Protein backbone atom coordinates (compact mmCIF):
# COMPACT_ATOMS: atom_id res chain seq x y z
CA MET A 1 6.20 -8.94 7.90
CA GLU A 2 4.54 -7.42 10.96
CA SER A 3 1.21 -7.86 11.54
CA LEU A 4 -0.26 -3.97 11.11
CA LYS A 5 -1.84 -4.23 14.44
CA THR A 6 -2.16 -0.43 15.24
CA ILE A 7 -3.09 2.50 13.15
CA GLY A 8 0.32 4.07 12.66
CA GLU A 9 1.35 0.72 11.36
CA ARG A 10 -1.48 0.59 8.80
CA ILE A 11 -0.86 4.47 7.83
CA LYS A 12 3.23 3.53 7.14
CA TYR A 13 2.44 0.38 5.46
CA ALA A 14 -0.32 2.05 3.20
CA ARG A 15 2.08 5.43 2.67
CA LYS A 16 4.78 3.11 1.61
CA LEU A 17 3.23 0.68 -0.67
CA LYS A 18 1.92 4.00 -2.74
CA GLY A 19 5.73 4.98 -2.84
CA LEU A 20 4.94 8.43 -0.89
CA THR A 21 7.71 9.71 1.85
CA GLN A 22 6.44 11.44 4.75
CA ASN A 23 7.14 15.07 2.86
CA ASP A 24 5.40 13.61 0.11
CA ILE A 25 1.82 13.36 2.46
CA TYR A 26 2.93 16.72 3.91
CA LYS A 27 2.74 18.10 0.42
CA LEU A 28 -0.49 16.35 -0.19
CA THR A 29 -2.19 16.90 2.95
CA GLY A 30 -0.71 19.38 5.14
CA ILE A 31 -0.06 17.11 7.67
CA SER A 32 3.48 18.00 8.82
CA SER A 33 5.99 15.20 8.50
CA GLY A 34 6.59 15.09 12.36
CA ASN A 35 2.96 14.83 13.50
CA LEU A 36 2.88 11.88 10.48
CA SER A 37 5.79 10.23 12.37
CA ASP A 38 3.93 10.77 16.15
CA ILE A 39 1.14 9.01 14.04
CA GLU A 40 3.01 6.41 12.31
CA ASN A 41 5.33 5.54 15.85
CA ASN A 42 1.68 5.34 17.60
CA LYS A 43 2.58 8.29 19.89
CA VAL A 44 -0.49 10.17 18.75
CA LEU A 45 -3.92 9.30 17.02
CA PRO A 46 -5.02 10.63 13.75
CA SER A 47 -7.53 13.92 13.65
CA ALA A 48 -10.54 13.60 12.26
CA ASN A 49 -9.23 15.98 9.29
CA ALA A 50 -5.87 13.86 9.48
CA LEU A 51 -8.04 10.63 8.75
CA ILE A 52 -10.01 12.02 5.76
CA SER A 53 -6.79 13.27 3.86
CA LEU A 54 -5.19 10.15 4.60
CA LYS A 55 -8.15 8.00 3.17
CA ARG A 56 -8.09 10.02 0.12
CA GLU A 57 -4.26 10.22 -0.83
CA LEU A 58 -3.60 6.67 0.33
CA GLY A 59 -6.56 4.88 -1.02
CA VAL A 60 -7.77 3.01 1.87
CA SER A 61 -10.99 3.60 4.09
CA ILE A 62 -11.15 5.03 7.59
CA ASP A 63 -12.53 2.00 8.54
CA TRP A 64 -9.36 0.07 7.37
CA ILE A 65 -7.08 2.71 8.67
CA LEU A 66 -8.73 2.40 12.58
CA THR A 67 -9.63 -1.57 12.71
CA GLY A 68 -7.57 -2.91 9.92
CA GLU A 69 -10.78 -5.16 9.44
CA ALA A 70 -12.35 -3.06 6.76
CA ASP A 71 -11.80 -3.51 2.69
CA VAL A 72 -8.99 -1.60 1.33
CA ALA A 73 -8.26 -0.72 -2.21
CA PHE A 74 -4.57 0.41 -2.57
CA ASP A 75 -5.35 -0.03 -6.44
CA LYS A 76 -8.37 -0.36 -7.65
CA LYS A 77 -7.24 -3.28 -10.19
CA GLN A 78 -5.56 -5.06 -7.15
CA ASN A 79 -8.85 -5.24 -5.68
CA LYS A 80 -7.58 -7.05 -2.51
CA SER A 81 -8.21 -7.11 1.13
CA PRO A 82 -5.87 -5.87 4.07
CA SER A 83 -5.87 -9.83 4.93
CA ASP A 84 -4.56 -10.75 1.53
CA ILE A 85 -2.22 -7.58 1.70
CA GLY A 86 -1.04 -8.57 4.93
CA LYS A 87 0.32 -12.01 3.43
CA LEU A 88 2.89 -10.12 1.17
CA SER A 89 6.54 -10.92 2.07
CA PRO A 90 9.49 -8.09 2.20
CA ASN A 91 10.46 -9.17 -1.57
CA GLU A 92 6.88 -8.98 -2.65
CA ILE A 93 6.42 -5.26 -1.09
CA ASP A 94 9.67 -4.37 -2.59
CA ILE A 95 9.03 -5.51 -6.28
CA LEU A 96 5.50 -3.82 -5.66
CA LEU A 97 7.09 -0.40 -4.45
CA LYS A 98 9.58 -0.78 -7.74
CA TYR A 99 6.91 -1.39 -10.08
CA ARG A 100 4.60 1.60 -8.93
CA LYS A 101 7.90 3.74 -9.65
CA LEU A 102 7.42 2.50 -13.29
CA ASP A 103 5.80 4.70 -16.41
CA ASP A 104 2.76 2.75 -17.79
CA VAL A 105 4.51 1.31 -20.60
CA ASP A 106 7.28 -0.16 -18.84
CA LYS A 107 4.63 -1.75 -16.63
CA GLU A 108 2.77 -3.31 -19.42
CA GLU A 109 5.96 -4.48 -20.51
CA ILE A 110 6.58 -6.56 -17.04
CA ASP A 111 2.95 -7.58 -16.97
CA ALA A 112 3.58 -9.32 -20.38
CA ILE A 113 6.84 -10.97 -19.17
CA ILE A 114 4.76 -12.12 -15.82
CA ASP A 115 1.84 -13.42 -18.30
CA ILE A 116 4.55 -15.04 -20.33
CA LYS A 117 6.46 -16.85 -17.25
CA LEU A 118 2.93 -17.80 -15.97
CA HIS A 119 1.59 -19.42 -19.02
CA ARG A 120 4.90 -21.34 -19.42
CA LYS A 121 4.29 -22.46 -15.84
CA ASN A 122 1.32 -23.65 -16.76
CA LYS A 123 1.73 -25.53 -19.83
CA LYS A 124 4.61 -27.54 -17.58
CA TYR A 125 2.22 -28.81 -15.14
CA LEU A 126 -0.31 -29.68 -18.12
CA SER A 127 2.27 -31.74 -19.85
């Protein structure tokens, strides 16, 4: 997994984590997919208006977009810092992206399965 050293890498990462395409961002913010592509590929820097729109739609702080050092909240329930998120493996990212496409009922079912698995694992270690 890349270390998210640039503004473009962080924006692309946050967009993918939210399960959004460049076209989705265009519909939500008015930032064209061509301009977003240039931003994500570090050809241009985002404007102030683009930063504000991306902050709102991606659920990240402008500080994190610009520096990678501020707290980021991709999902309020996760409450992860950028350093924690950067430690996700490609497989974990794939699972997270799939999870976000599920409806709430399916998410609750997956959460319950995970809780059961963790309970069994913890029970094994205690015996």
